[in-house]
């Protein structure tokens, strides 16, 4: 029987490819555009994904070289995806130790914490570029159902802003983004203004 849940390497490849397509399609002057994440630009989103995950991997004894995201975000992101995909394709029974999550196989740790971050930040980057993202209603509903019971812990972590009110009949994607502290109605300012 085939599992409905993709293995970590497959899920990362899918989510990273979608994010990469956005990165490659950045509009002129797009990297300095504001994002729905308070005080972050589009560039800050890419820097966040690269820098925290590379630091996270130190817990598995993996030291990836620093990347110059500010100079060339597209090349830096592509190299980062290649580096992470290589780890997921051949995890070699490496274990990641982290004081917050304990010990986990490196591919499981990346799948639980990093790959979902790419997926959710796809919304932020798309919005920064003036696009309307579609994160898949069922996946959004599932993610929200998984996070809702841990809401207080997640808020206390400082990783999410206060929840934004949305209508009861809002889409699962809008409800998820609102839960994360994003305003689902946020739009990138017109760069011509």
C-alpha atoms as a PDB file:
ATOM      1  CA  UNK A   1       0.000   0.000   0.000  1.00  0.00           C
ATOM      2  CA  UNK A   2       1.341   3.456  -0.932  1.00  0.00           C
ATOM      3  CA  UNK A   3       1.420   6.082   1.819  1.00  0.00           C
ATOM      4  CA  UNK A   4      -0.601   9.257   1.210  1.00  0.00           C
ATOM      5  CA  UNK A   5       2.105  11.277   2.925  1.00  0.00           C
ATOM      6  CA  UNK A   6       5.156  11.953   0.744  1.00  0.00           C
ATOM      7  CA  UNK A   7       8.537  10.988   2.135  1.00  0.00           C
ATOM      8  CA  UNK A   8      10.596  13.956   3.390  1.00  0.00           C
ATOM      9  CA  UNK A   9      12.773  14.172   0.264  1.00  0.00           C
ATOM     10  CA  UNK A  10       9.747  14.212  -2.045  1.00  0.00           C
ATOM     11  CA  UNK A  11       7.833  16.790   0.007  1.00  0.00           C
ATOM     12  CA  UNK A  12      10.852  19.076   0.152  1.00  0.00           C
ATOM     13  CA  UNK A  13      11.445  18.767  -3.587  1.00  0.00           C
ATOM     14  CA  UNK A  14       7.828  19.787  -4.267  1.00  0.00           C
ATOM     15  CA  UNK A  15       7.694  22.692  -1.835  1.00  0.00           C
ATOM     16  CA  UNK A  16      11.155  23.960  -2.692  1.00  0.00           C
ATOM     17  CA  UNK A  17      10.393  23.849  -6.429  1.00  0.00           C
ATOM     18  CA  UNK A  18       7.333  26.001  -5.901  1.00  0.00           C
ATOM     19  CA  UNK A  19       9.279  28.497  -3.802  1.00  0.00           C
ATOM     20  CA  UNK A  20      12.131  28.460  -6.331  1.00  0.00           C
ATOM     21  CA  UNK A  21       9.726  29.389  -9.126  1.00  0.00           C
ATOM     22  CA  UNK A  22       8.724  32.452  -7.114  1.00  0.00           C
ATOM     23  CA  UNK A  23      12.336  33.348  -6.360  1.00  0.00           C
ATOM     24  CA  UNK A  24      13.223  33.098 -10.055  1.00  0.00           C
ATOM     25  CA  UNK A  25      10.267  35.288 -11.016  1.00  0.00           C
ATOM     26  CA  UNK A  26      11.077  38.173  -8.677  1.00  0.00           C
ATOM     27  CA  UNK A  27       9.944  41.432 -10.248  1.00  0.00           C
ATOM     28  CA  UNK A  28      12.370  44.303 -10.823  1.00  0.00           C
ATOM     29  CA  UNK A  29      13.282  45.776  -7.434  1.00  0.00           C
ATOM     30  CA  UNK A  30      11.256  42.925  -5.950  1.00  0.00           C
ATOM     31  CA  UNK A  31      13.702  41.987  -3.200  1.00  0.00           C
ATOM     32  CA  UNK A  32      13.217  45.255  -1.340  1.00  0.00           C
ATOM     33  CA  UNK A  33       9.436  45.044  -1.408  1.00  0.00           C
ATOM     34  CA  UNK A  34       7.638  44.706   1.921  1.00  0.00           C
ATOM     35  CA  UNK A  35       6.099  41.383   2.876  1.00  0.00           C
ATOM     36  CA  UNK A  36       3.153  40.405   5.075  1.00  0.00           C
ATOM     37  CA  UNK A  37       5.684  39.539   7.808  1.00  0.00           C
ATOM     38  CA  UNK A  38       6.051  42.704   9.866  1.00  0.00           C
ATOM     39  CA  UNK A  39       9.359  44.467   9.178  1.00  0.00           C
ATOM     40  CA  UNK A  40      10.483  41.889   6.603  1.00  0.00           C
ATOM     41  CA  UNK A  41      11.147  42.456   2.923  1.00  0.00           C
ATOM     42  CA  UNK A  42      10.947  39.759   0.269  1.00  0.00           C
ATOM     43  CA  UNK A  43      14.717  39.308   0.671  1.00  0.00           C
ATOM     44  CA  UNK A  44      14.312  38.780   4.417  1.00  0.00           C
ATOM     45  CA  UNK A  45      12.015  35.806   3.754  1.00  0.00           C
ATOM     46  CA  UNK A  46      14.661  34.066   1.641  1.00  0.00           C
ATOM     47  CA  UNK A  47      17.425  34.937   4.149  1.00  0.00           C
ATOM     48  CA  UNK A  48      15.333  33.544   7.004  1.00  0.00           C
ATOM     49  CA  UNK A  49      14.734  30.208   5.291  1.00  0.00           C
ATOM     50  CA  UNK A  50      18.390  29.800   4.371  1.00  0.00           C
ATOM     51  CA  UNK A  51      20.018  30.997   7.564  1.00  0.00           C
ATOM     52  CA  UNK A  52      17.903  29.336  10.241  1.00  0.00           C
ATOM     53  CA  UNK A  53      17.860  25.946   8.546  1.00  0.00           C
ATOM     54  CA  UNK A  54      21.608  25.906   7.992  1.00  0.00           C
ATOM     55  CA  UNK A  55      22.070  26.714  11.674  1.00  0.00           C
ATOM     56  CA  UNK A  56      19.503  24.064  12.628  1.00  0.00           C
ATOM     57  CA  UNK A  57      21.585  21.428  10.842  1.00  0.00           C
ATOM     58  CA  UNK A  58      24.519  22.012  13.193  1.00  0.00           C
ATOM     59  CA  UNK A  59      22.544  19.783  15.575  1.00  0.00           C
ATOM     60  CA  UNK A  60      23.208  16.907  13.162  1.00  0.00           C
ATOM     61  CA  UNK A  61      26.896  17.762  12.807  1.00  0.00           C
ATOM     62  CA  UNK A  62      26.260  19.238   9.358  1.00  0.00           C
ATOM     63  CA  UNK A  63      28.055  22.509   8.621  1.00  0.00           C
ATOM     64  CA  UNK A  64      26.991  23.983   5.307  1.00  0.00           C
ATOM     65  CA  UNK A  65      28.907  27.027   4.054  1.00  0.00           C
ATOM     66  CA  UNK A  66      27.319  30.452   4.463  1.00  0.00           C
ATOM     67  CA  UNK A  67      25.648  31.870   1.369  1.00  0.00           C
ATOM     68  CA  UNK A  68      25.610  35.506   0.244  1.00  0.00           C
ATOM     69  CA  UNK A  69      21.860  35.937  -0.005  1.00  0.00           C
ATOM     70  CA  UNK A  70      21.896  39.726  -0.262  1.00  0.00           C
ATOM     71  CA  UNK A  71      24.181  39.813  -3.309  1.00  0.00           C
ATOM     72  CA  UNK A  72      22.387  37.119  -5.317  1.00  0.00           C
ATOM     73  CA  UNK A  73      19.225  35.757  -3.684  1.00  0.00           C
ATOM     74  CA  UNK A  74      18.367  33.531  -6.652  1.00  0.00           C
ATOM     75  CA  UNK A  75      21.725  31.737  -6.764  1.00  0.00           C
ATOM     76  CA  UNK A  76      21.888  31.506  -2.975  1.00  0.00           C
ATOM     77  CA  UNK A  77      18.409  29.982  -2.793  1.00  0.00           C
ATOM     78  CA  UNK A  78      19.133  27.458  -5.557  1.00  0.00           C
ATOM     79  CA  UNK A  79      22.367  26.370  -3.867  1.00  0.00           C
ATOM     80  CA  UNK A  80      20.551  26.067  -0.562  1.00  0.00           C
ATOM     81  CA  UNK A  81      17.835  23.878  -2.074  1.00  0.00           C
ATOM     82  CA  UNK A  82      20.510  21.651  -3.635  1.00  0.00           C
ATOM     83  CA  UNK A  83      22.305  21.337  -0.283  1.00  0.00           C
ATOM     84  CA  UNK A  84      19.148  20.465   1.681  1.00  0.00           C
ATOM     85  CA  UNK A  85      17.860  18.088  -0.976  1.00  0.00           C
ATOM     86  CA  UNK A  86      21.168  16.183  -0.905  1.00  0.00           C
ATOM     87  CA  UNK A  87      20.786  15.673   2.849  1.00  0.00           C
ATOM     88  CA  UNK A  88      17.195  14.510   2.455  1.00  0.00           C
ATOM     89  CA  UNK A  89      18.040  12.192  -0.441  1.00  0.00           C
ATOM     90  CA  UNK A  90      20.738  10.482   1.643  1.00  0.00           C
ATOM     91  CA  UNK A  91      20.144  11.135   5.355  1.00  0.00           C
ATOM     92  CA  UNK A  92      22.643   8.359   6.234  1.00  0.00           C
ATOM     93  CA  UNK A  93      20.998   7.670   9.590  1.00  0.00           C
ATOM     94  CA  UNK A  94      22.221  11.028  10.906  1.00  0.00           C
ATOM     95  CA  UNK A  95      20.411  12.279  13.999  1.00  0.00           C
ATOM     96  CA  UNK A  96      19.696  15.925  14.714  1.00  0.00           C
ATOM     97  CA  UNK A  97      19.871  16.899  18.384  1.00  0.00           C
ATOM     98  CA  UNK A  98      18.126  20.057  19.479  1.00  0.00           C
ATOM     99  CA  UNK A  99      17.256  21.220  23.015  1.00  0.00           C
ATOM    100  CA  UNK A 100      13.706  22.100  21.935  1.00  0.00           C
ATOM    101  CA  UNK A 101      12.802  18.959  19.975  1.00  0.00           C
ATOM    102  CA  UNK A 102      15.159  16.305  21.315  1.00  0.00           C
ATOM    103  CA  UNK A 103      16.800  13.798  18.984  1.00  0.00           C
ATOM    104  CA  UNK A 104      15.269  13.048  15.579  1.00  0.00           C
ATOM    105  CA  UNK A 105      16.544  11.581  12.326  1.00  0.00           C
ATOM    106  CA  UNK A 106      17.765  14.554  10.293  1.00  0.00           C
ATOM    107  CA  UNK A 107      15.285  13.950   7.469  1.00  0.00           C
ATOM    108  CA  UNK A 108      12.375  13.785   9.935  1.00  0.00           C
ATOM    109  CA  UNK A 109      13.513  16.986  11.677  1.00  0.00           C
ATOM    110  CA  UNK A 110      13.752  18.851   8.368  1.00  0.00           C
ATOM    111  CA  UNK A 111      10.378  17.473   7.291  1.00  0.00           C
ATOM    112  CA  UNK A 112       8.666  18.539  10.500  1.00  0.00           C
ATOM    113  CA  UNK A 113      10.205  21.983  10.929  1.00  0.00           C
ATOM    114  CA  UNK A 114      11.891  23.263   7.770  1.00  0.00           C
ATOM    115  CA  UNK A 115       9.827  22.041   4.832  1.00  0.00           C
ATOM    116  CA  UNK A 116       6.551  23.376   6.277  1.00  0.00           C
ATOM    117  CA  UNK A 117       8.296  26.715   6.758  1.00  0.00           C
ATOM    118  CA  UNK A 118       9.091  26.846   3.029  1.00  0.00           C
ATOM    119  CA  UNK A 119       5.483  26.000   2.258  1.00  0.00           C
ATOM    120  CA  UNK A 120       4.041  28.684   4.559  1.00  0.00           C
ATOM    121  CA  UNK A 121       6.547  31.349   3.519  1.00  0.00           C
ATOM    122  CA  UNK A 122       5.559  30.724  -0.099  1.00  0.00           C
ATOM    123  CA  UNK A 123       2.420  32.668   0.784  1.00  0.00           C
ATOM    124  CA  UNK A 124       4.504  35.561   2.145  1.00  0.00           C
ATOM    125  CA  UNK A 125       6.824  35.757  -0.855  1.00  0.00           C
ATOM    126  CA  UNK A 126       3.992  35.511  -3.353  1.00  0.00           C
ATOM    127  CA  UNK A 127       2.120  38.306  -1.579  1.00  0.00           C
ATOM    128  CA  UNK A 128       5.271  40.455  -1.473  1.00  0.00           C
ATOM    129  CA  UNK A 129       5.496  40.071  -5.244  1.00  0.00           C
ATOM    130  CA  UNK A 130       1.838  41.047  -5.682  1.00  0.00           C
ATOM    131  CA  UNK A 131       0.573  37.540  -6.423  1.00  0.00           C
ATOM    132  CA  UNK A 132      -2.234  35.481  -4.923  1.00  0.00           C
ATOM    133  CA  UNK A 133      -0.821  32.166  -3.685  1.00  0.00           C
ATOM    134  CA  UNK A 134      -2.706  28.890  -3.406  1.00  0.00           C
ATOM    135  CA  UNK A 135      -1.312  26.644  -0.679  1.00  0.00           C
ATOM    136  CA  UNK A 136      -3.974  23.924  -1.135  1.00  0.00           C
ATOM    137  CA  UNK A 137      -7.090  24.109   1.009  1.00  0.00           C
ATOM    138  CA  UNK A 138      -6.781  20.609   2.459  1.00  0.00           C
ATOM    139  CA  UNK A 139      -3.160  21.045   3.430  1.00  0.00           C
ATOM    140  CA  UNK A 140      -4.008  24.385   5.064  1.00  0.00           C
ATOM    141  CA  UNK A 141      -6.896  22.814   6.985  1.00  0.00           C
ATOM    142  CA  UNK A 142      -4.672  19.939   8.128  1.00  0.00           C
ATOM    143  CA  UNK A 143      -1.892  22.301   9.216  1.00  0.00           C
ATOM    144  CA  UNK A 144      -4.299  24.470  11.169  1.00  0.00           C
ATOM    145  CA  UNK A 145      -5.848  21.442  12.856  1.00  0.00           C
ATOM    146  CA  UNK A 146      -2.380  20.291  13.894  1.00  0.00           C
ATOM    147  CA  UNK A 147      -1.300  23.683  15.254  1.00  0.00           C
ATOM    148  CA  UNK A 148      -4.492  24.827  16.965  1.00  0.00           C
ATOM    149  CA  UNK A 149      -4.080  22.565  20.023  1.00  0.00           C
ATOM    150  CA  UNK A 150      -0.587  24.050  20.571  1.00  0.00           C
ATOM    151  CA  UNK A 151      -1.636  27.655  20.045  1.00  0.00           C
ATOM    152  CA  UNK A 152      -0.443  29.042  23.372  1.00  0.00           C
ATOM    153  CA  UNK A 153       2.937  27.328  23.106  1.00  0.00           C
ATOM    154  CA  UNK A 154       3.350  28.615  19.545  1.00  0.00           C
ATOM    155  CA  UNK A 155       2.421  32.168  20.550  1.00  0.00           C
ATOM    156  CA  UNK A 156       4.757  32.025  23.554  1.00  0.00           C
ATOM    157  CA  UNK A 157       7.615  30.987  21.240  1.00  0.00           C
ATOM    158  CA  UNK A 158       7.487  34.392  19.566  1.00  0.00           C
ATOM    159  CA  UNK A 159       7.393  32.763  16.128  1.00  0.00           C
ATOM    160  CA  UNK A 160       3.824  33.891  15.413  1.00  0.00           C
ATOM    161  CA  UNK A 161       2.131  37.224  15.845  1.00  0.00           C
ATOM    162  CA  UNK A 162      -1.306  37.642  17.391  1.00  0.00           C
ATOM    163  CA  UNK A 163      -4.054  35.876  15.463  1.00  0.00           C
ATOM    164  CA  UNK A 164      -5.921  38.068  12.984  1.00  0.00           C
ATOM    165  CA  UNK A 165      -9.725  37.834  13.069  1.00  0.00           C
ATOM    166  CA  UNK A 166     -11.346  36.304   9.963  1.00  0.00           C
ATOM    167  CA  UNK A 167     -14.898  35.418   9.021  1.00  0.00           C
ATOM    168  CA  UNK A 168     -16.238  32.019  10.061  1.00  0.00           C
ATOM    169  CA  UNK A 169     -16.671  31.107   6.382  1.00  0.00           C
ATOM    170  CA  UNK A 170     -13.134  32.191   5.388  1.00  0.00           C
ATOM    171  CA  UNK A 171     -11.070  29.749   3.347  1.00  0.00           C
ATOM    172  CA  UNK A 172      -8.784  27.302   5.144  1.00  0.00           C
ATOM    173  CA  UNK A 173      -5.815  29.199   3.716  1.00  0.00           C
ATOM    174  CA  UNK A 174      -7.073  32.516   5.075  1.00  0.00           C
ATOM    175  CA  UNK A 175      -7.763  30.922   8.465  1.00  0.00           C
ATOM    176  CA  UNK A 176      -4.259  29.432   8.573  1.00  0.00           C
ATOM    177  CA  UNK A 177      -2.568  32.693   7.655  1.00  0.00           C
ATOM    178  CA  UNK A 178      -4.687  34.558  10.203  1.00  0.00           C
ATOM    179  CA  UNK A 179      -3.730  31.997  12.852  1.00  0.00           C
ATOM    180  CA  UNK A 180      -0.065  32.616  12.011  1.00  0.00           C
ATOM    181  CA  UNK A 181      -0.590  36.347  12.519  1.00  0.00           C
ATOM    182  CA  UNK A 182      -0.846  37.361   8.873  1.00  0.00           C
ATOM    183  CA  UNK A 183      -3.648  39.502   7.487  1.00  0.00           C
ATOM    184  CA  UNK A 184      -5.111  37.392   4.653  1.00  0.00           C
ATOM    185  CA  UNK A 185      -6.230  40.621   2.935  1.00  0.00           C
ATOM    186  CA  UNK A 186      -2.688  42.066   2.915  1.00  0.00           C
ATOM    187  CA  UNK A 187      -1.565  43.334  -0.498  1.00  0.00           C
ATOM    188  CA  UNK A 188       1.816  44.491  -1.626  1.00  0.00           C
ATOM    189  CA  UNK A 189       1.963  48.247  -2.079  1.00  0.00           C
ATOM    190  CA  UNK A 190       1.887  49.359  -5.691  1.00  0.00           C
ATOM    191  CA  UNK A 191       5.573  49.821  -6.638  1.00  0.00           C
ATOM    192  CA  UNK A 192       4.582  52.707  -8.922  1.00  0.00           C
ATOM    193  CA  UNK A 193       3.391  54.822  -5.955  1.00  0.00           C
END
